[in-house]
Amino acid sequence: MGKKLLLTTDFSKNSWDALVYALKLHADQECDFYILNTYVKDTSGIDSIAFLDPDEAFNKLYENRSKEGLGDILQRLTFSEENTNHRMHVLSRSTPFVDAVKDVVEKMQIDMIIMGAKGMKNERARKYGKNTLAVIGSVRKCPVLVVPRNVSFNRPEEIVLATNFKTDFRTSEIKYLAEIAKRMEASVQILSLADKGKFTQKQETNKKRLKKYFKDVNHSFNMLHNVKMSDALNCFVEIRHSNIISYIDKKPSFWEQLGFSEPTLGKLGYYEKVPVLALNDK
């Protein structure tokens, strides 16, 4: 059965890099790629044409820009993408970005979202873009693959799954990770931290479940002590030259939704050379 993948674009280089990475990661699969661009009025800026008729002028201008940009992407893909297993669909929406993503995921039954680590306007050093974090926090029905700028596709040989086994995971999303590893013939290195050297019953149960779903994949468990997960993960990936980082993203707490607490991905650190796959908890 073919995959349905959602690719978001703001026509930046980062979003193009993410698109190319997604195509190559799924080169051997039948896929429908939905390429989404959204446009809404930016109230922080002033566009001279808006003085003519604010709503009509804005919609006409930005709708044209959106459709022209998507047309340019299709044209580029015509010359670079020769995979007959891949079908391309473009979507232009005049709705807030996260709302549009949620709607497409729901209606098209999307299997995975692939997006850039940062948008065109995001210049925050060593931090993921606001839209990227918003999608991971708000869209809880499929995994999200975040691809940093300038990351070229190399067939993954090792995928790291960072977990403390305390967070329950969705079976479908762990299976998706296992499927990627199996197709790529990659190993999965499960990295965890030990609290006082002993797991609770819940942690043991989740560990056994992971063993079950990775039974057909080369995998191993790595336990570290007395170190922060962000430091452990950074060193582990750097030393082993891991190709993809994955983790189980907990549903945002009340305080995280209000912006008073950092989301899980932010706590893990920023990885400018390695794609990150966010898997949802139950």
C-alpha atoms as a PDB file:
ATOM      1  CA  MET A   1       0.000   0.000   0.000  1.00  0.00           C
ATOM      2  CA  GLY A   2       1.344   3.425  -0.951  1.00  0.00           C
ATOM      3  CA  LYS A   3       2.267   6.167   1.493  1.00  0.00           C
ATOM      4  CA  LYS A   4       0.668   9.603   1.695  1.00  0.00           C
ATOM      5  CA  LEU A   5       3.228  12.230   2.667  1.00  0.00           C
ATOM      6  CA  LEU A   6       2.696  15.918   3.387  1.00  0.00           C
ATOM      7  CA  LEU A   7       5.491  18.333   2.475  1.00  0.00           C
ATOM      8  CA  THR A   8       5.148  21.926   3.644  1.00  0.00           C
ATOM      9  CA  THR A   9       6.853  24.727   1.737  1.00  0.00           C
ATOM     10  CA  ASP A  10       7.378  28.454   2.067  1.00  0.00           C
ATOM     11  CA  PHE A  11       9.566  28.319  -1.065  1.00  0.00           C
ATOM     12  CA  SER A  12      12.739  28.594   1.003  1.00  0.00           C
ATOM     13  CA  LYS A  13      15.872  26.544   0.332  1.00  0.00           C
ATOM     14  CA  ASN A  14      15.272  24.642   3.570  1.00  0.00           C
ATOM     15  CA  SER A  15      11.814  23.498   2.468  1.00  0.00           C
ATOM     16  CA  TRP A  16      13.221  22.424  -0.916  1.00  0.00           C
ATOM     17  CA  ASP A  17      16.002  20.461   0.812  1.00  0.00           C
ATOM     18  CA  ALA A  18      13.363  18.729   2.951  1.00  0.00           C
ATOM     19  CA  LEU A  19      11.340  17.861  -0.152  1.00  0.00           C
ATOM     20  CA  VAL A  20      14.352  16.342  -1.914  1.00  0.00           C
ATOM     21  CA  TYR A  21      15.264  14.374   1.220  1.00  0.00           C
ATOM     22  CA  ALA A  22      11.721  12.989   1.424  1.00  0.00           C
ATOM     23  CA  LEU A  23      11.765  11.897  -2.222  1.00  0.00           C
ATOM     24  CA  LYS A  24      15.028  10.019  -1.778  1.00  0.00           C
ATOM     25  CA  LEU A  25      14.059   8.474   1.563  1.00  0.00           C
ATOM     26  CA  HIS A  26      10.972   6.990  -0.135  1.00  0.00           C
ATOM     27  CA  ALA A  27      12.574   6.328  -3.529  1.00  0.00           C
ATOM     28  CA  ASP A  28      11.634   2.654  -3.487  1.00  0.00           C
ATOM     29  CA  GLN A  29       8.040   3.195  -2.373  1.00  0.00           C
ATOM     30  CA  GLU A  30       4.813   4.113  -4.105  1.00  0.00           C
ATOM     31  CA  CYS A  31       3.897   7.506  -2.673  1.00  0.00           C
ATOM     32  CA  ASP A  32       1.540  10.429  -3.052  1.00  0.00           C
ATOM     33  CA  PHE A  33       3.310  13.658  -2.097  1.00  0.00           C
ATOM     34  CA  TYR A  34       1.086  16.569  -1.093  1.00  0.00           C
ATOM     35  CA  ILE A  35       3.035  19.842  -1.305  1.00  0.00           C
ATOM     36  CA  LEU A  36       1.349  22.525   0.805  1.00  0.00           C
ATOM     37  CA  ASN A  37       1.828  26.293   0.814  1.00  0.00           C
ATOM     38  CA  THR A  38      -0.284  28.613   2.944  1.00  0.00           C
ATOM     39  CA  TYR A  39      -0.736  32.355   2.889  1.00  0.00           C
ATOM     40  CA  VAL A  40      -2.434  34.637   5.385  1.00  0.00           C
ATOM     41  CA  LYS A  41      -2.311  38.380   5.854  1.00  0.00           C
ATOM     42  CA  ASP A  42       0.778  39.525   7.741  1.00  0.00           C
ATOM     43  CA  THR A  43      -0.532  42.239  10.039  1.00  0.00           C
ATOM     44  CA  SER A  44       2.992  43.134  11.176  1.00  0.00           C
ATOM     45  CA  GLY A  45       3.912  44.565   7.795  1.00  0.00           C
ATOM     46  CA  ILE A  46       2.425  47.036   5.343  1.00  0.00           C
ATOM     47  CA  ASP A  47       1.900  46.159   1.721  1.00  0.00           C
ATOM     48  CA  SER A  48       1.181  49.202  -0.457  1.00  0.00           C
ATOM     49  CA  ILE A  49      -1.176  47.282  -2.704  1.00  0.00           C
ATOM     50  CA  ALA A  50      -3.363  46.512   0.286  1.00  0.00           C
ATOM     51  CA  PHE A  51      -4.504  50.122   0.415  1.00  0.00           C
ATOM     52  CA  LEU A  52      -6.515  49.615  -2.761  1.00  0.00           C
ATOM     53  CA  ASP A  53      -8.835  47.033  -1.200  1.00  0.00           C
ATOM     54  CA  PRO A  54      -7.176  45.259   1.745  1.00  0.00           C
ATOM     55  CA  ASP A  55      -8.865  41.871   1.513  1.00  0.00           C
ATOM     56  CA  GLU A  56      -9.294  41.572  -2.236  1.00  0.00           C
ATOM     57  CA  ALA A  57      -5.851  42.947  -3.069  1.00  0.00           C
ATOM     58  CA  PHE A  58      -4.131  40.735  -0.528  1.00  0.00           C
ATOM     59  CA  ASN A  59      -5.898  37.555  -1.592  1.00  0.00           C
ATOM     60  CA  LYS A  60      -5.227  38.135  -5.265  1.00  0.00           C
ATOM     61  CA  LEU A  61      -1.561  39.000  -4.796  1.00  0.00           C
ATOM     62  CA  TYR A  62      -0.669  36.200  -2.409  1.00  0.00           C
ATOM     63  CA  GLU A  63      -2.830  33.582  -4.075  1.00  0.00           C
ATOM     64  CA  ASN A  64      -0.947  34.262  -7.306  1.00  0.00           C
ATOM     65  CA  ARG A  65       2.409  34.085  -5.508  1.00  0.00           C
ATOM     66  CA  SER A  66       1.439  30.811  -3.848  1.00  0.00           C
ATOM     67  CA  LYS A  67       0.250  29.149  -7.050  1.00  0.00           C
ATOM     68  CA  GLU A  68       3.213  30.418  -9.054  1.00  0.00           C
ATOM     69  CA  GLY A  69       5.613  29.117  -6.403  1.00  0.00           C
ATOM     70  CA  LEU A  70       3.960  25.700  -6.383  1.00  0.00           C
ATOM     71  CA  GLY A  71       4.037  25.691 -10.177  1.00  0.00           C
ATOM     72  CA  ASP A  72       7.777  26.379 -10.078  1.00  0.00           C
ATOM     73  CA  ILE A  73       8.268  23.420  -7.722  1.00  0.00           C
ATOM     74  CA  LEU A  74       6.366  21.103 -10.059  1.00  0.00           C
ATOM     75  CA  GLN A  75       8.450  22.350 -12.964  1.00  0.00           C
ATOM     76  CA  ARG A  76      11.700  21.688 -11.088  1.00  0.00           C
ATOM     77  CA  LEU A  77      10.481  18.217 -10.152  1.00  0.00           C
ATOM     78  CA  THR A  78       9.619  17.496 -13.785  1.00  0.00           C
ATOM     79  CA  PHE A  79      13.309  17.775 -14.660  1.00  0.00           C
ATOM     80  CA  SER A  80      14.745  16.170 -11.516  1.00  0.00           C
ATOM     81  CA  GLU A  81      12.211  13.549 -10.389  1.00  0.00           C
ATOM     82  CA  GLU A  82      11.899  10.537 -12.676  1.00  0.00           C
ATOM     83  CA  ASN A  83      10.455   8.070 -10.177  1.00  0.00           C
ATOM     84  CA  THR A  84       7.251   6.634 -11.642  1.00  0.00           C
ATOM     85  CA  ASN A  85       6.203   5.452  -8.175  1.00  0.00           C
ATOM     86  CA  HIS A  86       5.770   9.054  -7.055  1.00  0.00           C
ATOM     87  CA  ARG A  87       2.714  11.220  -7.672  1.00  0.00           C
ATOM     88  CA  MET A  88       2.745  14.950  -6.886  1.00  0.00           C
ATOM     89  CA  HIS A  89      -0.152  17.081  -5.694  1.00  0.00           C
ATOM     90  CA  VAL A  90       0.033  20.799  -4.861  1.00  0.00           C
ATOM     91  CA  LEU A  91      -2.173  22.558  -2.343  1.00  0.00           C
ATOM     92  CA  SER A  92      -2.499  26.326  -1.874  1.00  0.00           C
ATOM     93  CA  ARG A  93      -4.477  27.388   1.201  1.00  0.00           C
ATOM     94  CA  SER A  94      -5.471  30.820   2.494  1.00  0.00           C
ATOM     95  CA  THR A  95      -5.621  29.660   6.106  1.00  0.00           C
ATOM     96  CA  PRO A  96      -3.250  29.740   9.098  1.00  0.00           C
ATOM     97  CA  PHE A  97      -0.391  27.300   8.628  1.00  0.00           C
ATOM     98  CA  VAL A  98      -1.065  24.841  11.462  1.00  0.00           C
ATOM     99  CA  ASP A  99      -4.812  24.767  10.732  1.00  0.00           C
ATOM    100  CA  ALA A 100      -4.093  23.934   7.087  1.00  0.00           C
ATOM    101  CA  VAL A 101      -1.674  21.147   8.073  1.00  0.00           C
ATOM    102  CA  LYS A 102      -4.214  19.620  10.472  1.00  0.00           C
ATOM    103  CA  ASP A 103      -6.921  19.750   7.811  1.00  0.00           C
ATOM    104  CA  VAL A 104      -4.785  18.058   5.140  1.00  0.00           C
ATOM    105  CA  VAL A 105      -3.569  15.362   7.567  1.00  0.00           C
ATOM    106  CA  GLU A 106      -7.168  14.586   8.520  1.00  0.00           C
ATOM    107  CA  LYS A 107      -8.745  14.662   5.054  1.00  0.00           C
ATOM    108  CA  MET A 108      -5.937  12.978   3.127  1.00  0.00           C
ATOM    109  CA  GLN A 109      -5.077  10.499   5.906  1.00  0.00           C
ATOM    110  CA  ILE A 110      -1.416  11.512   5.789  1.00  0.00           C
ATOM    111  CA  ASP A 111       1.149   8.955   6.985  1.00  0.00           C
ATOM    112  CA  MET A 112       3.982  11.401   7.702  1.00  0.00           C
ATOM    113  CA  ILE A 113       4.773  15.120   7.524  1.00  0.00           C
ATOM    114  CA  ILE A 114       8.163  16.236   6.221  1.00  0.00           C
ATOM    115  CA  MET A 115       9.243  19.839   6.739  1.00  0.00           C
ATOM    116  CA  GLY A 116      12.297  22.036   7.040  1.00  0.00           C
ATOM    117  CA  ALA A 117      13.830  22.848  10.406  1.00  0.00           C
ATOM    118  CA  LYS A 118      13.339  26.561   9.790  1.00  0.00           C
ATOM    119  CA  GLY A 119      11.299  28.763   7.504  1.00  0.00           C
ATOM    120  CA  MET A 120      12.422  31.568   5.252  1.00  0.00           C
ATOM    121  CA  LYS A 121      11.985  34.255   7.913  1.00  0.00           C
ATOM    122  CA  ASN A 122      13.381  32.317  10.868  1.00  0.00           C
ATOM    123  CA  GLU A 123      16.890  33.416  11.815  1.00  0.00           C
ATOM    124  CA  ARG A 124      17.026  32.146  15.387  1.00  0.00           C
ATOM    125  CA  ALA A 125      20.440  30.582  15.862  1.00  0.00           C
ATOM    126  CA  ARG A 126      20.500  26.903  16.828  1.00  0.00           C
ATOM    127  CA  LYS A 127      16.742  26.750  17.348  1.00  0.00           C
ATOM    128  CA  TYR A 128      13.970  25.082  15.404  1.00  0.00           C
ATOM    129  CA  GLY A 129      11.443  27.329  13.691  1.00  0.00           C
ATOM    130  CA  LYS A 130       8.164  28.283  15.343  1.00  0.00           C
ATOM    131  CA  ASN A 131       6.073  26.601  12.657  1.00  0.00           C
ATOM    132  CA  THR A 132       8.072  23.389  12.989  1.00  0.00           C
ATOM    133  CA  LEU A 133       7.557  23.261  16.753  1.00  0.00           C
ATOM    134  CA  ALA A 134       3.887  24.217  16.361  1.00  0.00           C
ATOM    135  CA  VAL A 135       3.225  21.344  13.947  1.00  0.00           C
ATOM    136  CA  ILE A 136       4.949  18.797  16.185  1.00  0.00           C
ATOM    137  CA  GLY A 137       3.004  20.053  19.201  1.00  0.00           C
ATOM    138  CA  SER A 138      -0.386  20.353  17.502  1.00  0.00           C
ATOM    139  CA  VAL A 139      -0.589  17.586  14.915  1.00  0.00           C
ATOM    140  CA  ARG A 140      -0.793  14.343  16.860  1.00  0.00           C
ATOM    141  CA  LYS A 141      -2.011  11.893  14.210  1.00  0.00           C
ATOM    142  CA  CYS A 142       1.232  11.139  12.363  1.00  0.00           C
ATOM    143  CA  PRO A 143       5.012  11.435  12.795  1.00  0.00           C
ATOM    144  CA  VAL A 144       6.889  14.559  11.689  1.00  0.00           C
ATOM    145  CA  LEU A 145      10.313  14.420  10.014  1.00  0.00           C
ATOM    146  CA  VAL A 146      12.319  17.648  10.423  1.00  0.00           C
ATOM    147  CA  VAL A 147      15.112  18.173   7.895  1.00  0.00           C
ATOM    148  CA  PRO A 148      17.771  20.856   8.553  1.00  0.00           C
ATOM    149  CA  ARG A 149      19.002  23.140   5.798  1.00  0.00           C
ATOM    150  CA  ASN A 150      21.747  21.828   3.497  1.00  0.00           C
ATOM    151  CA  VAL A 151      21.363  18.224   4.678  1.00  0.00           C
ATOM    152  CA  SER A 152      21.965  15.960   1.704  1.00  0.00           C
ATOM    153  CA  PHE A 153      20.424  12.519   1.632  1.00  0.00           C
ATOM    154  CA  ASN A 154      22.735   9.666   2.543  1.00  0.00           C
ATOM    155  CA  ARG A 155      21.135   6.267   2.881  1.00  0.00           C
ATOM    156  CA  PRO A 156      20.696   5.924   6.666  1.00  0.00           C
ATOM    157  CA  GLU A 157      22.890   3.288   8.235  1.00  0.00           C
ATOM    158  CA  GLU A 158      21.993   4.102  11.830  1.00  0.00           C
ATOM    159  CA  ILE A 159      18.897   5.612  13.441  1.00  0.00           C
ATOM    160  CA  VAL A 160      18.940   6.684  17.088  1.00  0.00           C
ATOM    161  CA  LEU A 161      15.769   6.437  19.172  1.00  0.00           C
ATOM    162  CA  ALA A 162      16.049   8.529  22.326  1.00  0.00           C
ATOM    163  CA  THR A 163      13.662   7.404  25.066  1.00  0.00           C
ATOM    164  CA  ASN A 164      13.494   6.951  28.810  1.00  0.00           C
ATOM    165  CA  PHE A 165      10.757   4.299  28.340  1.00  0.00           C
ATOM    166  CA  LYS A 166       8.444   6.362  30.566  1.00  0.00           C
ATOM    167  CA  THR A 167       6.350   7.676  27.691  1.00  0.00           C
ATOM    168  CA  ASP A 168       3.880   5.347  26.018  1.00  0.00           C
ATOM    169  CA  PHE A 169       4.199   5.290  22.245  1.00  0.00           C
ATOM    170  CA  ARG A 170       1.821   4.697  19.373  1.00  0.00           C
ATOM    171  CA  THR A 171       2.317   1.300  17.836  1.00  0.00           C
ATOM    172  CA  SER A 172       1.682   2.621  14.303  1.00  0.00           C
ATOM    173  CA  GLU A 173       4.460   5.203  14.591  1.00  0.00           C
ATOM    174  CA  ILE A 174       7.039   2.809  16.037  1.00  0.00           C
ATOM    175  CA  LYS A 175       6.163   0.435  13.192  1.00  0.00           C
ATOM    176  CA  TYR A 176       6.772   3.298  10.742  1.00  0.00           C
ATOM    177  CA  LEU A 177      10.238   3.840  12.222  1.00  0.00           C
ATOM    178  CA  ALA A 178      10.933   0.092  12.053  1.00  0.00           C
ATOM    179  CA  GLU A 179       9.765   0.065   8.442  1.00  0.00           C
ATOM    180  CA  ILE A 180      12.174   2.866   7.491  1.00  0.00           C
ATOM    181  CA  ALA A 181      15.046   1.043   9.211  1.00  0.00           C
ATOM    182  CA  LYS A 182      14.180  -2.213   7.472  1.00  0.00           C
ATOM    183  CA  ARG A 183      13.919  -0.624   4.007  1.00  0.00           C
ATOM    184  CA  MET A 184      17.183   1.258   4.479  1.00  0.00           C
ATOM    185  CA  GLU A 185      18.864  -1.770   6.117  1.00  0.00           C
ATOM    186  CA  ALA A 186      19.742   0.548   8.997  1.00  0.00           C
ATOM    187  CA  SER A 187      20.298  -0.365  12.618  1.00  0.00           C
ATOM    188  CA  VAL A 188      18.294   1.257  15.408  1.00  0.00           C
ATOM    189  CA  GLN A 189      20.255   2.341  18.463  1.00  0.00           C
ATOM    190  CA  ILE A 190      17.921   2.890  21.416  1.00  0.00           C
ATOM    191  CA  LEU A 191      19.467   5.437  23.762  1.00  0.00           C
ATOM    192  CA  SER A 192      18.161   5.788  27.301  1.00  0.00           C
ATOM    193  CA  LEU A 193      19.189   7.226  30.641  1.00  0.00           C
ATOM    194  CA  ALA A 194      19.020   5.261  33.876  1.00  0.00           C
ATOM    195  CA  ASP A 195      17.338   6.825  36.906  1.00  0.00           C
ATOM    196  CA  LYS A 196      18.973   5.291  39.966  1.00  0.00           C
ATOM    197  CA  GLY A 197      19.982   2.342  37.820  1.00  0.00           C
ATOM    198  CA  LYS A 198      16.618   0.560  37.874  1.00  0.00           C
ATOM    199  CA  PHE A 199      13.565   0.640  35.589  1.00  0.00           C
ATOM    200  CA  THR A 200       9.975   0.785  36.813  1.00  0.00           C
ATOM    201  CA  GLN A 201       7.431  -1.782  35.683  1.00  0.00           C
ATOM    202  CA  LYS A 202       6.097   0.648  33.075  1.00  0.00           C
ATOM    203  CA  GLN A 203       9.581   1.228  31.676  1.00  0.00           C
ATOM    204  CA  GLU A 204      10.235  -2.509  31.465  1.00  0.00           C
ATOM    205  CA  THR A 205       6.921  -3.017  29.664  1.00  0.00           C
ATOM    206  CA  ASN A 206       7.687  -0.313  27.102  1.00  0.00           C
ATOM    207  CA  LYS A 207      11.171  -1.736  26.553  1.00  0.00           C
ATOM    208  CA  LYS A 208       9.695  -5.179  25.833  1.00  0.00           C
ATOM    209  CA  ARG A 209       7.237  -3.629  23.384  1.00  0.00           C
ATOM    210  CA  LEU A 210      10.082  -1.961  21.492  1.00  0.00           C
ATOM    211  CA  LYS A 211      11.935  -5.281  21.283  1.00  0.00           C
ATOM    212  CA  LYS A 212       8.826  -6.799  19.754  1.00  0.00           C
ATOM    213  CA  TYR A 213       8.440  -4.160  17.031  1.00  0.00           C
ATOM    214  CA  PHE A 214      12.158  -4.116  16.222  1.00  0.00           C
ATOM    215  CA  LYS A 215      12.474  -7.900  16.057  1.00  0.00           C
ATOM    216  CA  ASP A 216      13.155  -7.824  12.292  1.00  0.00           C
ATOM    217  CA  VAL A 217      15.576  -4.893  12.567  1.00  0.00           C
ATOM    218  CA  ASN A 218      19.160  -4.846  13.770  1.00  0.00           C
ATOM    219  CA  HIS A 219      18.851  -2.965  17.075  1.00  0.00           C
ATOM    220  CA  SER A 220      20.529  -2.580  20.439  1.00  0.00           C
ATOM    221  CA  PHE A 221      19.904  -0.807  23.747  1.00  0.00           C
ATOM    222  CA  ASN A 222      22.367   1.750  25.086  1.00  0.00           C
ATOM    223  CA  MET A 223      22.033   2.994  28.656  1.00  0.00           C
ATOM    224  CA  LEU A 224      23.884   6.007  30.026  1.00  0.00           C
ATOM    225  CA  HIS A 225      24.129   7.306  33.582  1.00  0.00           C
ATOM    226  CA  ASN A 226      24.445  10.695  35.250  1.00  0.00           C
ATOM    227  CA  VAL A 227      24.112  12.853  32.137  1.00  0.00           C
ATOM    228  CA  LYS A 228      21.442  15.026  30.519  1.00  0.00           C
ATOM    229  CA  MET A 229      19.689  13.479  27.525  1.00  0.00           C
ATOM    230  CA  SER A 230      20.587  16.423  25.281  1.00  0.00           C
ATOM    231  CA  ASP A 231      24.296  16.029  26.104  1.00  0.00           C
ATOM    232  CA  ALA A 232      24.166  12.238  25.793  1.00  0.00           C
ATOM    233  CA  LEU A 233      22.339  12.376  22.473  1.00  0.00           C
ATOM    234  CA  ASN A 234      24.642  14.993  20.998  1.00  0.00           C
ATOM    235  CA  CYS A 235      27.787  13.045  21.913  1.00  0.00           C
ATOM    236  CA  PHE A 236      26.303   9.720  20.828  1.00  0.00           C
ATOM    237  CA  VAL A 237      25.288  11.028  17.400  1.00  0.00           C
ATOM    238  CA  GLU A 238      28.561  12.910  16.904  1.00  0.00           C
ATOM    239  CA  ILE A 239      30.778   9.937  17.737  1.00  0.00           C
ATOM    240  CA  ARG A 240      28.775   7.346  15.800  1.00  0.00           C
ATOM    241  CA  HIS A 241      27.841   9.571  12.835  1.00  0.00           C
ATOM    242  CA  SER A 242      24.186   8.568  13.183  1.00  0.00           C
ATOM    243  CA  ASN A 243      21.964   9.519  10.242  1.00  0.00           C
ATOM    244  CA  ILE A 244      18.535  10.126  11.825  1.00  0.00           C
ATOM    245  CA  ILE A 245      17.467  10.979  15.374  1.00  0.00           C
ATOM    246  CA  SER A 246      14.014   9.924  16.557  1.00  0.00           C
ATOM    247  CA  TYR A 247      12.221  10.484  19.826  1.00  0.00           C
ATOM    248  CA  ILE A 248       8.758  10.120  21.344  1.00  0.00           C
ATOM    249  CA  ASP A 249       7.148  13.534  21.649  1.00  0.00           C
ATOM    250  CA  LYS A 250       4.888  13.959  24.646  1.00  0.00           C
ATOM    251  CA  LYS A 251       1.653  15.853  24.151  1.00  0.00           C
ATOM    252  CA  PRO A 252       2.325  19.486  25.181  1.00  0.00           C
ATOM    253  CA  SER A 253       1.402  20.286  28.749  1.00  0.00           C
ATOM    254  CA  PHE A 254      -0.809  23.227  29.678  1.00  0.00           C
ATOM    255  CA  TRP A 255       2.268  25.357  30.432  1.00  0.00           C
ATOM    256  CA  GLU A 256       3.974  24.370  27.181  1.00  0.00           C
ATOM    257  CA  GLN A 257       0.882  25.393  25.240  1.00  0.00           C
ATOM    258  CA  LEU A 258       1.084  28.799  26.927  1.00  0.00           C
ATOM    259  CA  GLY A 259       4.778  29.082  26.076  1.00  0.00           C
ATOM    260  CA  PHE A 260       6.086  28.894  29.645  1.00  0.00           C
ATOM    261  CA  SER A 261       7.873  25.584  29.174  1.00  0.00           C
ATOM    262  CA  GLU A 262      10.130  24.285  26.430  1.00  0.00           C
ATOM    263  CA  PRO A 263       8.781  21.545  24.110  1.00  0.00           C
ATOM    264  CA  THR A 264      10.472  18.134  24.036  1.00  0.00           C
ATOM    265  CA  LEU A 265      12.380  18.803  20.801  1.00  0.00           C
ATOM    266  CA  GLY A 266      13.770  22.032  22.240  1.00  0.00           C
ATOM    267  CA  LYS A 267      15.029  20.137  25.291  1.00  0.00           C
ATOM    268  CA  LEU A 268      16.866  17.643  23.098  1.00  0.00           C
ATOM    269  CA  GLY A 269      18.881  20.395  21.441  1.00  0.00           C
ATOM    270  CA  TYR A 270      19.278  21.614  17.870  1.00  0.00           C
ATOM    271  CA  TYR A 271      20.837  19.320  15.254  1.00  0.00           C
ATOM    272  CA  GLU A 272      21.921  21.193  12.156  1.00  0.00           C
ATOM    273  CA  LYS A 273      23.310  18.156  10.313  1.00  0.00           C
ATOM    274  CA  VAL A 274      20.878  15.370  11.251  1.00  0.00           C
ATOM    275  CA  PRO A 275      17.146  15.003  10.467  1.00  0.00           C
ATOM    276  CA  VAL A 276      14.880  14.443  13.468  1.00  0.00           C
ATOM    277  CA  LEU A 277      11.798  12.215  13.452  1.00  0.00           C
ATOM    278  CA  ALA A 278       9.184  13.128  16.072  1.00  0.00           C
ATOM    279  CA  LEU A 279       6.927  10.209  17.051  1.00  0.00           C
ATOM    280  CA  ASN A 280       3.761  10.929  19.009  1.00  0.00           C
ATOM    281  CA  ASP A 281       2.902   9.464  22.375  1.00  0.00           C
ATOM    282  CA  LYS A 282      -0.488   7.876  23.030  1.00  0.00           C
END
